[in-house]
Amino acid sequence: MSILKNLQTISFLILLTAPGFSANLLLNGGFEDDLNGWTRLASNGGAATFTTDSEAAEGIKSMKTEVTTLGANAWSIQAISSAWPAETDRDYLITFYAKAATDGASLRVLIQDLSYGNQLSMDQVLSTEWTRYEWIVEPGDTSMDFVIHFIQTGTFWIDDIQINDFEIDIPVKPLTLDATRMHQTMVGVGGA
């Protein structure tokens, strides 16, 4: 990750506590409204049950998925959110909590447009404890779905999925070097 992205992450975390910060762009990312707004699929020979559970990382509910049989494709068992509004020239911070009944179980999270032409994915190895995961993305379209592919059998919990606007303007100062001087003072990130 570049220094600029690290600076943006630090600045973003400070802004999260500031009044007026943009709300979560994903509807029902905490499953407090049960599974409303989520399409759940088990196809191509796959078998799974999707329910809400009182074991939650945040709030009082989470989505619990029990995968008993994998299907023919990685997308045979999936949960798909309602589309969230995106802008193609912005970065977004996606955060979520997840855990599995078995240490080392994996799932795949994606954002994709409605035609599946623009798609970004990340595989995540889970533990048996609630863990918060972060992902910075730049969407390729203005209407995106958040998708979870269940790529292994087992029991999984997902909670508090947040998608927040991540555009932060950081002024960039030009760097001027004097080739005739051996020791020069650097002021700013990483130098003093």
N, C-alpha and C. Protein backbone atom coordinates (compact mmCIF):
# COMPACT_ATOMS: atom_id res chain seq x y z
N MET A 1 0.86 -1.17 0.00
CA MET A 1 0.00 0.00 0.00
C MET A 1 0.91 1.23 0.00
N SER A 2 0.58 2.22 -0.79
CA SER A 2 1.40 3.41 -0.90
C SER A 2 1.28 4.28 0.35
N ILE A 3 2.25 5.19 0.50
CA ILE A 3 2.21 6.13 1.62
C ILE A 3 0.93 6.95 1.58
N LEU A 4 0.52 7.35 0.37
CA LEU A 4 -0.71 8.14 0.25
C LEU A 4 -1.91 7.36 0.76
N LYS A 5 -2.00 6.06 0.43
CA LYS A 5 -3.12 5.24 0.92
C LYS A 5 -3.06 5.11 2.44
N ASN A 6 -1.83 4.96 3.01
CA ASN A 6 -1.71 4.88 4.47
C ASN A 6 -2.18 6.17 5.12
N LEU A 7 -1.78 7.31 4.53
CA LEU A 7 -2.23 8.60 5.07
C LEU A 7 -3.74 8.73 4.97
N GLN A 8 -4.30 8.26 3.85
CA GLN A 8 -5.74 8.33 3.70
C GLN A 8 -6.42 7.46 4.75
N THR A 9 -5.86 6.29 5.03
CA THR A 9 -6.45 5.40 6.03
C THR A 9 -6.46 6.06 7.39
N ILE A 10 -5.34 6.66 7.78
CA ILE A 10 -5.26 7.34 9.07
C ILE A 10 -6.26 8.50 9.12
N SER A 11 -6.28 9.31 8.06
CA SER A 11 -7.20 10.44 8.02
C SER A 11 -8.64 9.97 8.06
N PHE A 12 -8.92 8.87 7.35
CA PHE A 12 -10.27 8.35 7.31
C PHE A 12 -10.73 7.89 8.69
N LEU A 13 -9.87 7.21 9.41
CA LEU A 13 -10.25 6.73 10.74
C LEU A 13 -10.54 7.89 11.67
N ILE A 14 -9.84 8.99 11.52
CA ILE A 14 -10.13 10.18 12.31
C ILE A 14 -11.50 10.75 11.92
N LEU A 15 -11.78 10.75 10.61
CA LEU A 15 -13.05 11.29 10.13
C LEU A 15 -14.25 10.44 10.54
N LEU A 16 -14.03 9.15 10.79
CA LEU A 16 -15.14 8.28 11.19
C LEU A 16 -15.85 8.79 12.43
N THR A 17 -15.12 9.44 13.31
CA THR A 17 -15.72 9.93 14.55
C THR A 17 -16.22 11.37 14.42
N ALA A 18 -15.97 11.99 13.28
CA ALA A 18 -16.38 13.38 13.10
C ALA A 18 -17.86 13.46 12.76
N PRO A 19 -18.59 14.47 13.28
CA PRO A 19 -19.99 14.62 12.94
C PRO A 19 -20.15 14.88 11.44
N GLY A 20 -21.21 14.37 10.85
CA GLY A 20 -21.49 14.62 9.45
C GLY A 20 -20.80 13.65 8.51
N PHE A 21 -20.12 12.64 9.03
CA PHE A 21 -19.49 11.66 8.15
C PHE A 21 -20.57 10.87 7.44
N SER A 22 -20.34 10.51 6.17
CA SER A 22 -21.36 9.84 5.37
C SER A 22 -21.79 8.51 5.99
N ALA A 23 -23.05 8.20 5.83
CA ALA A 23 -23.63 6.97 6.39
C ALA A 23 -23.22 5.76 5.56
N ASN A 24 -23.42 4.60 6.11
CA ASN A 24 -23.16 3.35 5.42
C ASN A 24 -23.98 3.32 4.12
N LEU A 25 -23.32 3.05 2.99
CA LEU A 25 -24.01 3.00 1.71
C LEU A 25 -24.73 1.67 1.48
N LEU A 26 -24.43 0.68 2.30
CA LEU A 26 -25.03 -0.65 2.16
C LEU A 26 -26.23 -0.77 3.08
N LEU A 27 -27.37 -1.11 2.53
CA LEU A 27 -28.57 -1.28 3.33
C LEU A 27 -28.54 -2.60 4.09
N ASN A 28 -28.89 -2.58 5.34
CA ASN A 28 -29.00 -3.75 6.20
C ASN A 28 -27.70 -4.57 6.25
N GLY A 29 -26.58 -3.89 6.34
CA GLY A 29 -25.30 -4.57 6.45
C GLY A 29 -25.08 -5.22 7.80
N GLY A 30 -25.92 -4.86 8.79
CA GLY A 30 -25.81 -5.46 10.12
C GLY A 30 -26.85 -6.53 10.39
N PHE A 31 -27.71 -6.78 9.40
CA PHE A 31 -28.74 -7.83 9.49
C PHE A 31 -29.72 -7.61 10.65
N GLU A 32 -29.83 -6.37 11.10
CA GLU A 32 -30.80 -6.05 12.16
C GLU A 32 -32.23 -6.15 11.63
N ASP A 33 -32.38 -6.02 10.30
CA ASP A 33 -33.69 -6.18 9.65
C ASP A 33 -33.75 -7.57 9.01
N ASP A 34 -33.30 -8.56 9.77
CA ASP A 34 -33.22 -9.95 9.30
C ASP A 34 -32.43 -10.02 8.00
N LEU A 35 -32.90 -10.74 7.01
CA LEU A 35 -32.16 -10.88 5.75
C LEU A 35 -32.77 -10.04 4.63
N ASN A 36 -33.58 -9.03 5.01
CA ASN A 36 -34.19 -8.15 4.01
C ASN A 36 -33.10 -7.41 3.24
N GLY A 37 -33.26 -7.34 1.92
CA GLY A 37 -32.28 -6.68 1.07
C GLY A 37 -31.16 -7.61 0.62
N TRP A 38 -31.19 -8.85 1.02
CA TRP A 38 -30.15 -9.82 0.66
C TRP A 38 -30.77 -10.97 -0.13
N THR A 39 -30.21 -11.26 -1.29
CA THR A 39 -30.60 -12.42 -2.08
C THR A 39 -29.65 -13.55 -1.70
N ARG A 40 -30.21 -14.70 -1.35
CA ARG A 40 -29.39 -15.84 -0.96
C ARG A 40 -29.62 -16.96 -1.96
N LEU A 41 -28.51 -17.51 -2.47
CA LEU A 41 -28.60 -18.54 -3.50
C LEU A 41 -27.80 -19.77 -3.12
N ALA A 42 -28.36 -20.92 -3.38
CA ALA A 42 -27.65 -22.20 -3.30
C ALA A 42 -28.07 -22.96 -4.55
N SER A 43 -27.16 -23.03 -5.53
CA SER A 43 -27.51 -23.59 -6.84
C SER A 43 -26.39 -24.50 -7.34
N ASN A 44 -26.57 -25.04 -8.53
CA ASN A 44 -25.57 -25.89 -9.19
C ASN A 44 -25.12 -27.04 -8.29
N GLY A 45 -26.07 -27.64 -7.56
CA GLY A 45 -25.75 -28.76 -6.69
C GLY A 45 -25.35 -28.37 -5.29
N GLY A 46 -25.23 -27.08 -5.00
CA GLY A 46 -24.86 -26.62 -3.67
C GLY A 46 -26.05 -26.61 -2.72
N ALA A 47 -25.76 -26.79 -1.43
CA ALA A 47 -26.82 -26.76 -0.41
C ALA A 47 -26.33 -25.94 0.78
N ALA A 48 -27.17 -24.98 1.21
CA ALA A 48 -26.83 -24.12 2.35
C ALA A 48 -28.10 -23.54 2.93
N THR A 49 -28.04 -23.18 4.21
CA THR A 49 -29.14 -22.46 4.85
C THR A 49 -28.61 -21.11 5.31
N PHE A 50 -29.44 -20.09 5.14
CA PHE A 50 -29.11 -18.72 5.54
C PHE A 50 -30.13 -18.30 6.59
N THR A 51 -29.67 -17.87 7.76
CA THR A 51 -30.56 -17.41 8.82
C THR A 51 -29.90 -16.22 9.51
N THR A 52 -30.66 -15.55 10.37
CA THR A 52 -30.04 -14.57 11.25
C THR A 52 -29.81 -15.27 12.58
N ASP A 53 -28.80 -14.77 13.31
CA ASP A 53 -28.40 -15.41 14.55
C ASP A 53 -28.18 -14.32 15.60
N SER A 54 -28.43 -14.64 16.85
CA SER A 54 -28.24 -13.65 17.92
C SER A 54 -26.77 -13.50 18.31
N GLU A 55 -25.91 -14.34 17.81
CA GLU A 55 -24.48 -14.20 18.05
C GLU A 55 -23.96 -13.14 17.08
N ALA A 56 -23.70 -11.94 17.57
CA ALA A 56 -23.37 -10.82 16.70
C ALA A 56 -22.11 -10.10 17.16
N ALA A 57 -21.40 -9.52 16.20
CA ALA A 57 -20.24 -8.70 16.52
C ALA A 57 -20.68 -7.30 16.93
N GLU A 58 -21.72 -6.79 16.27
CA GLU A 58 -22.31 -5.47 16.54
C GLU A 58 -23.83 -5.64 16.52
N GLY A 59 -24.53 -4.88 17.33
CA GLY A 59 -25.99 -4.99 17.35
C GLY A 59 -26.43 -6.30 17.97
N ILE A 60 -27.60 -6.80 17.49
CA ILE A 60 -28.14 -8.01 18.10
C ILE A 60 -28.30 -9.18 17.12
N LYS A 61 -27.93 -8.97 15.84
CA LYS A 61 -28.08 -10.04 14.85
C LYS A 61 -26.88 -10.10 13.92
N SER A 62 -26.68 -11.27 13.35
CA SER A 62 -25.70 -11.47 12.28
C SER A 62 -26.32 -12.44 11.27
N MET A 63 -25.67 -12.57 10.12
CA MET A 63 -26.11 -13.58 9.16
C MET A 63 -25.29 -14.85 9.42
N LYS A 64 -26.00 -15.96 9.59
CA LYS A 64 -25.35 -17.25 9.79
C LYS A 64 -25.63 -18.09 8.55
N THR A 65 -24.57 -18.64 7.98
CA THR A 65 -24.71 -19.48 6.78
C THR A 65 -24.08 -20.83 7.06
N GLU A 66 -24.88 -21.87 6.87
CA GLU A 66 -24.39 -23.23 7.05
C GLU A 66 -24.33 -23.90 5.68
N VAL A 67 -23.12 -24.13 5.19
CA VAL A 67 -22.90 -24.72 3.87
C VAL A 67 -22.65 -26.22 4.07
N THR A 68 -23.56 -27.04 3.54
CA THR A 68 -23.42 -28.49 3.70
C THR A 68 -22.83 -29.15 2.46
N THR A 69 -23.10 -28.58 1.26
CA THR A 69 -22.57 -29.14 0.01
C THR A 69 -22.18 -27.99 -0.90
N LEU A 70 -20.95 -28.04 -1.44
CA LEU A 70 -20.51 -27.03 -2.40
C LEU A 70 -21.13 -27.32 -3.76
N GLY A 71 -21.38 -26.28 -4.52
CA GLY A 71 -21.89 -26.44 -5.87
C GLY A 71 -20.77 -26.54 -6.89
N ALA A 72 -21.13 -26.55 -8.15
CA ALA A 72 -20.16 -26.72 -9.24
C ALA A 72 -19.26 -25.50 -9.42
N ASN A 73 -19.70 -24.32 -8.98
CA ASN A 73 -18.94 -23.08 -9.19
C ASN A 73 -18.67 -22.38 -7.87
N ALA A 74 -17.71 -21.46 -7.88
CA ALA A 74 -17.40 -20.67 -6.67
C ALA A 74 -18.60 -19.82 -6.26
N TRP A 75 -19.46 -19.46 -7.22
CA TRP A 75 -20.62 -18.62 -6.94
C TRP A 75 -21.90 -19.44 -6.73
N SER A 76 -21.78 -20.73 -6.59
CA SER A 76 -22.98 -21.56 -6.41
C SER A 76 -23.71 -21.23 -5.11
N ILE A 77 -22.95 -20.88 -4.07
CA ILE A 77 -23.57 -20.50 -2.79
C ILE A 77 -23.12 -19.07 -2.49
N GLN A 78 -24.09 -18.16 -2.48
CA GLN A 78 -23.74 -16.75 -2.30
C GLN A 78 -24.86 -15.96 -1.67
N ALA A 79 -24.46 -14.85 -1.06
CA ALA A 79 -25.40 -13.85 -0.54
C ALA A 79 -25.07 -12.54 -1.24
N ILE A 80 -26.11 -11.89 -1.79
CA ILE A 80 -25.91 -10.68 -2.59
C ILE A 80 -26.74 -9.55 -1.98
N SER A 81 -26.08 -8.42 -1.74
CA SER A 81 -26.77 -7.27 -1.16
C SER A 81 -27.60 -6.55 -2.21
N SER A 82 -28.47 -5.67 -1.74
CA SER A 82 -29.08 -4.70 -2.64
C SER A 82 -27.97 -3.82 -3.18
N ALA A 83 -28.13 -3.30 -4.39
CA ALA A 83 -27.09 -2.47 -5.00
C ALA A 83 -26.84 -1.21 -4.16
N TRP A 84 -25.59 -0.78 -4.11
CA TRP A 84 -25.23 0.45 -3.41
C TRP A 84 -24.67 1.44 -4.42
N PRO A 85 -24.93 2.74 -4.21
CA PRO A 85 -24.49 3.75 -5.17
C PRO A 85 -22.99 4.02 -5.05
N ALA A 86 -22.30 4.02 -6.16
CA ALA A 86 -20.86 4.23 -6.17
C ALA A 86 -20.51 5.27 -7.22
N GLU A 87 -19.33 5.81 -7.10
CA GLU A 87 -18.77 6.69 -8.11
C GLU A 87 -17.44 6.08 -8.54
N THR A 88 -17.17 6.10 -9.84
CA THR A 88 -16.00 5.39 -10.35
C THR A 88 -14.68 6.10 -10.05
N ASP A 89 -14.71 7.36 -9.69
CA ASP A 89 -13.47 8.09 -9.43
C ASP A 89 -13.19 8.24 -7.93
N ARG A 90 -13.77 7.39 -7.13
CA ARG A 90 -13.59 7.45 -5.68
C ARG A 90 -13.15 6.11 -5.14
N ASP A 91 -12.52 6.15 -3.99
CA ASP A 91 -12.21 4.94 -3.25
C ASP A 91 -13.26 4.78 -2.16
N TYR A 92 -13.55 3.53 -1.82
CA TYR A 92 -14.49 3.21 -0.75
C TYR A 92 -13.83 2.24 0.22
N LEU A 93 -14.11 2.44 1.49
CA LEU A 93 -13.63 1.53 2.51
C LEU A 93 -14.75 0.57 2.86
N ILE A 94 -14.48 -0.72 2.67
CA ILE A 94 -15.42 -1.76 3.04
C ILE A 94 -14.89 -2.42 4.30
N THR A 95 -15.72 -2.50 5.33
CA THR A 95 -15.35 -3.20 6.55
C THR A 95 -16.46 -4.18 6.89
N PHE A 96 -16.09 -5.28 7.50
CA PHE A 96 -17.07 -6.26 7.96
C PHE A 96 -16.44 -7.13 9.03
N TYR A 97 -17.29 -7.74 9.82
CA TYR A 97 -16.87 -8.72 10.81
C TYR A 97 -17.26 -10.10 10.31
N ALA A 98 -16.41 -11.07 10.57
CA ALA A 98 -16.72 -12.44 10.17
C ALA A 98 -16.02 -13.43 11.09
N LYS A 99 -16.58 -14.62 11.14
CA LYS A 99 -15.94 -15.73 11.84
C LYS A 99 -16.52 -17.02 11.29
N ALA A 100 -15.87 -18.14 11.63
CA ALA A 100 -16.32 -19.45 11.17
C ALA A 100 -16.31 -20.43 12.33
N ALA A 101 -17.02 -21.52 12.20
CA ALA A 101 -17.03 -22.53 13.24
C ALA A 101 -15.70 -23.28 13.30
N THR A 102 -14.96 -23.28 12.18
CA THR A 102 -13.68 -23.97 12.08
C THR A 102 -12.58 -22.97 11.75
N ASP A 103 -11.52 -22.97 12.52
CA ASP A 103 -10.38 -22.10 12.25
C ASP A 103 -9.80 -22.38 10.86
N GLY A 104 -9.53 -21.33 10.10
CA GLY A 104 -8.92 -21.48 8.78
C GLY A 104 -9.90 -21.61 7.63
N ALA A 105 -11.20 -21.59 7.91
CA ALA A 105 -12.20 -21.65 6.84
C ALA A 105 -12.16 -20.35 6.04
N SER A 106 -12.46 -20.41 4.75
CA SER A 106 -12.35 -19.24 3.87
C SER A 106 -13.69 -18.89 3.23
N LEU A 107 -13.83 -17.63 2.91
CA LEU A 107 -14.91 -17.16 2.07
C LEU A 107 -14.36 -16.09 1.15
N ARG A 108 -15.14 -15.72 0.15
CA ARG A 108 -14.73 -14.70 -0.83
C ARG A 108 -15.74 -13.57 -0.79
N VAL A 109 -15.24 -12.33 -0.71
CA VAL A 109 -16.12 -11.16 -0.80
C VAL A 109 -15.81 -10.45 -2.12
N LEU A 110 -16.85 -9.89 -2.72
CA LEU A 110 -16.72 -9.22 -4.01
C LEU A 110 -17.56 -7.97 -4.04
N ILE A 111 -17.17 -7.07 -4.92
CA ILE A 111 -18.10 -6.06 -5.38
C ILE A 111 -18.20 -6.28 -6.88
N GLN A 112 -19.41 -6.16 -7.41
CA GLN A 112 -19.59 -6.38 -8.85
C GLN A 112 -20.72 -5.52 -9.35
N ASP A 113 -20.61 -5.14 -10.64
CA ASP A 113 -21.71 -4.38 -11.23
C ASP A 113 -22.80 -5.37 -11.65
N LEU A 114 -23.92 -4.83 -12.11
CA LEU A 114 -25.07 -5.67 -12.39
C LEU A 114 -24.87 -6.59 -13.58
N SER A 115 -23.89 -6.27 -14.46
CA SER A 115 -23.64 -7.12 -15.62
C SER A 115 -22.48 -8.09 -15.37
N TYR A 116 -21.89 -8.05 -14.18
CA TYR A 116 -20.73 -8.87 -13.79
C TYR A 116 -19.47 -8.50 -14.57
N GLY A 117 -19.51 -7.39 -15.32
CA GLY A 117 -18.34 -6.97 -16.10
C GLY A 117 -17.25 -6.35 -15.24
N ASN A 118 -17.62 -5.59 -14.23
CA ASN A 118 -16.66 -4.99 -13.31
C ASN A 118 -16.77 -5.72 -11.99
N GLN A 119 -15.70 -6.40 -11.63
CA GLN A 119 -15.74 -7.23 -10.45
C GLN A 119 -14.39 -7.19 -9.73
N LEU A 120 -14.41 -6.98 -8.43
CA LEU A 120 -13.21 -7.04 -7.60
C LEU A 120 -13.50 -8.03 -6.49
N SER A 121 -12.52 -8.89 -6.18
CA SER A 121 -12.77 -9.89 -5.14
C SER A 121 -11.57 -10.03 -4.22
N MET A 122 -11.84 -10.57 -3.03
CA MET A 122 -10.81 -10.81 -2.02
C MET A 122 -11.21 -12.05 -1.24
N ASP A 123 -10.30 -13.03 -1.17
CA ASP A 123 -10.54 -14.20 -0.33
C ASP A 123 -10.07 -13.89 1.08
N GLN A 124 -10.82 -14.39 2.06
CA GLN A 124 -10.48 -14.10 3.45
C GLN A 124 -10.50 -15.38 4.27
N VAL A 125 -9.38 -15.64 4.97
CA VAL A 125 -9.30 -16.79 5.88
C VAL A 125 -9.80 -16.32 7.24
N LEU A 126 -10.71 -17.09 7.83
CA LEU A 126 -11.37 -16.69 9.07
C LEU A 126 -10.87 -17.51 10.26
N SER A 127 -11.11 -16.96 11.43
CA SER A 127 -10.84 -17.69 12.67
C SER A 127 -12.19 -17.96 13.35
N THR A 128 -12.13 -18.54 14.53
CA THR A 128 -13.37 -18.83 15.27
C THR A 128 -13.80 -17.65 16.13
N GLU A 129 -13.04 -16.56 16.11
CA GLU A 129 -13.38 -15.34 16.86
C GLU A 129 -13.80 -14.26 15.87
N TRP A 130 -14.71 -13.39 16.31
CA TRP A 130 -15.09 -12.25 15.48
C TRP A 130 -13.85 -11.43 15.16
N THR A 131 -13.64 -11.16 13.89
CA THR A 131 -12.51 -10.35 13.44
C THR A 131 -13.03 -9.33 12.44
N ARG A 132 -12.49 -8.11 12.53
CA ARG A 132 -12.88 -7.05 11.61
C ARG A 132 -11.92 -7.05 10.42
N TYR A 133 -12.47 -7.02 9.22
CA TYR A 133 -11.69 -7.01 7.99
C TYR A 133 -11.94 -5.71 7.25
N GLU A 134 -10.91 -5.22 6.54
CA GLU A 134 -11.00 -3.97 5.79
C GLU A 134 -10.53 -4.20 4.36
N TRP A 135 -11.13 -3.42 3.46
CA TRP A 135 -10.80 -3.55 2.04
C TRP A 135 -11.07 -2.19 1.39
N ILE A 136 -10.09 -1.63 0.71
CA ILE A 136 -10.27 -0.36 -0.01
C ILE A 136 -10.44 -0.70 -1.48
N VAL A 137 -11.53 -0.22 -2.08
CA VAL A 137 -11.84 -0.53 -3.47
C VAL A 137 -12.14 0.74 -4.25
N GLU A 138 -11.93 0.66 -5.55
CA GLU A 138 -12.36 1.70 -6.48
C GLU A 138 -13.28 1.02 -7.49
N PRO A 139 -14.59 1.25 -7.38
CA PRO A 139 -15.54 0.53 -8.24
C PRO A 139 -15.38 0.91 -9.71
N GLY A 140 -15.79 -0.01 -10.57
CA GLY A 140 -15.73 0.24 -12.00
C GLY A 140 -17.06 0.67 -12.57
N ASP A 141 -18.07 0.86 -11.71
CA ASP A 141 -19.40 1.24 -12.18
C ASP A 141 -20.10 2.02 -11.07
N THR A 142 -21.29 2.54 -11.37
CA THR A 142 -22.00 3.39 -10.41
C THR A 142 -23.07 2.65 -9.61
N SER A 143 -23.34 1.41 -9.94
CA SER A 143 -24.29 0.61 -9.17
C SER A 143 -23.64 -0.74 -8.92
N MET A 144 -23.28 -0.98 -7.67
CA MET A 144 -22.51 -2.18 -7.34
C MET A 144 -23.25 -3.01 -6.30
N ASP A 145 -23.03 -4.32 -6.37
CA ASP A 145 -23.51 -5.25 -5.35
C ASP A 145 -22.33 -5.65 -4.48
N PHE A 146 -22.61 -5.90 -3.20
CA PHE A 146 -21.63 -6.54 -2.32
C PHE A 146 -22.04 -8.00 -2.26
N VAL A 147 -21.09 -8.90 -2.52
CA VAL A 147 -21.41 -10.32 -2.66
C VAL A 147 -20.48 -11.14 -1.76
N ILE A 148 -21.03 -12.17 -1.17
CA ILE A 148 -20.24 -13.12 -0.39
C ILE A 148 -20.38 -14.49 -1.06
N HIS A 149 -19.25 -15.06 -1.50
CA HIS A 149 -19.24 -16.42 -2.03
C HIS A 149 -18.75 -17.35 -0.93
N PHE A 150 -19.51 -18.37 -0.67
CA PHE A 150 -19.11 -19.38 0.31
C PHE A 150 -18.42 -20.50 -0.46
N ILE A 151 -17.10 -20.58 -0.32
CA ILE A 151 -16.28 -21.45 -1.16
C ILE A 151 -15.81 -22.71 -0.44
N GLN A 152 -16.28 -22.89 0.80
CA GLN A 152 -15.98 -24.09 1.58
C GLN A 152 -17.22 -24.49 2.36
N THR A 153 -17.29 -25.77 2.72
CA THR A 153 -18.38 -26.19 3.59
C THR A 153 -18.07 -25.73 5.01
N GLY A 154 -19.11 -25.61 5.82
CA GLY A 154 -18.93 -25.19 7.20
C GLY A 154 -19.96 -24.15 7.59
N THR A 155 -19.79 -23.58 8.79
CA THR A 155 -20.70 -22.58 9.31
C THR A 155 -19.97 -21.25 9.42
N PHE A 156 -20.60 -20.19 8.91
CA PHE A 156 -19.99 -18.87 8.83
C PHE A 156 -20.95 -17.82 9.40
N TRP A 157 -20.40 -16.81 10.05
CA TRP A 157 -21.16 -15.66 10.53
C TRP A 157 -20.56 -14.41 9.92
N ILE A 158 -21.43 -13.50 9.46
CA ILE A 158 -21.02 -12.21 8.90
C ILE A 158 -21.84 -11.15 9.61
N ASP A 159 -21.20 -9.99 9.91
CA ASP A 159 -21.94 -8.93 10.58
C ASP A 159 -21.34 -7.56 10.26
N ASP A 160 -22.15 -6.55 10.43
CA ASP A 160 -21.76 -5.14 10.37
C ASP A 160 -20.94 -4.81 9.13
N ILE A 161 -21.48 -5.13 7.96
CA ILE A 161 -20.82 -4.77 6.70
C ILE A 161 -21.05 -3.29 6.45
N GLN A 162 -19.97 -2.55 6.30
CA GLN A 162 -20.05 -1.10 6.08
C GLN A 162 -19.33 -0.75 4.78
N ILE A 163 -19.94 0.11 3.99
CA ILE A 163 -19.29 0.67 2.81
C ILE A 163 -19.38 2.18 2.94
N ASN A 164 -18.22 2.82 3.07
CA ASN A 164 -18.17 4.26 3.28
C ASN A 164 -17.31 4.94 2.22
N ASP A 165 -17.75 6.13 1.83
CA ASP A 165 -17.01 6.96 0.89
C ASP A 165 -15.63 7.25 1.48
N PHE A 166 -14.63 7.12 0.65
CA PHE A 166 -13.25 7.23 1.13
C PHE A 166 -12.48 8.33 0.42
N GLU A 167 -13.15 9.29 -0.21
CA GLU A 167 -12.42 10.34 -0.92
C GLU A 167 -11.98 11.40 0.07
N ILE A 168 -10.68 11.54 0.18
CA ILE A 168 -10.10 12.52 1.08
C ILE A 168 -9.07 13.30 0.29
N ASP A 169 -9.18 14.60 0.30
CA ASP A 169 -8.20 15.43 -0.41
C ASP A 169 -7.03 15.72 0.51
N ILE A 170 -5.84 15.27 0.10
CA ILE A 170 -4.63 15.55 0.85
C ILE A 170 -3.75 16.40 -0.05
N PRO A 171 -3.42 17.62 0.39
CA PRO A 171 -2.59 18.46 -0.47
C PRO A 171 -1.21 17.82 -0.65
N VAL A 172 -0.72 17.87 -1.88
CA VAL A 172 0.60 17.31 -2.20
C VAL A 172 1.55 18.47 -2.44
N LYS A 173 2.65 18.47 -1.70
CA LYS A 173 3.66 19.51 -1.88
C LYS A 173 4.77 18.95 -2.76
N PRO A 174 5.26 19.75 -3.70
CA PRO A 174 6.34 19.26 -4.56
C PRO A 174 7.63 19.08 -3.75
N LEU A 175 8.41 18.07 -4.12
CA LEU A 175 9.68 17.80 -3.47
C LEU A 175 10.78 18.39 -4.33
N THR A 176 11.63 19.22 -3.74
CA THR A 176 12.74 19.83 -4.45
C THR A 176 14.04 19.37 -3.82
N LEU A 177 14.91 18.79 -4.63
CA LEU A 177 16.20 18.34 -4.14
C LEU A 177 17.30 19.22 -4.70
N ASP A 178 18.28 19.52 -3.87
CA ASP A 178 19.45 20.29 -4.28
C ASP A 178 20.60 19.32 -4.41
N ALA A 179 21.00 18.99 -5.65
CA ALA A 179 22.04 17.99 -5.90
C ALA A 179 23.41 18.41 -5.40
N THR A 180 23.59 19.69 -5.06
CA THR A 180 24.90 20.16 -4.59
C THR A 180 25.06 19.97 -3.08
N ARG A 181 23.99 19.66 -2.36
CA ARG A 181 24.06 19.49 -0.91
C ARG A 181 23.93 18.01 -0.55
N MET A 182 24.86 17.51 0.29
CA MET A 182 24.85 16.11 0.68
C MET A 182 23.75 15.82 1.72
N HIS A 183 23.56 16.68 2.67
CA HIS A 183 22.59 16.45 3.73
C HIS A 183 21.49 17.50 3.61
N GLN A 184 20.28 17.03 3.45
CA GLN A 184 19.15 17.92 3.31
C GLN A 184 18.09 17.50 4.31
N THR A 185 17.32 18.46 4.77
CA THR A 185 16.27 18.19 5.74
C THR A 185 14.99 17.81 5.00
N MET A 186 14.41 16.68 5.41
CA MET A 186 13.12 16.26 4.87
C MET A 186 12.08 16.45 5.96
N VAL A 187 11.04 17.17 5.66
CA VAL A 187 9.98 17.39 6.63
C VAL A 187 8.73 16.72 6.10
N GLY A 188 8.11 15.91 6.94
CA GLY A 188 6.88 15.24 6.51
C GLY A 188 6.91 13.78 6.88
N VAL A 189 6.14 13.00 6.15
CA VAL A 189 6.01 11.58 6.45
C VAL A 189 7.33 10.86 6.25
N GLY A 190 7.80 10.16 7.28
CA GLY A 190 8.98 9.34 7.17
C GLY A 190 10.30 10.08 7.26
N GLY A 191 10.27 11.36 7.40
CA GLY A 191 11.53 12.11 7.47
C GLY A 191 11.46 13.23 8.47
N ALA A 192 12.60 13.55 9.04
CA ALA A 192 12.66 14.68 9.97
C ALA A 192 14.09 15.16 10.07
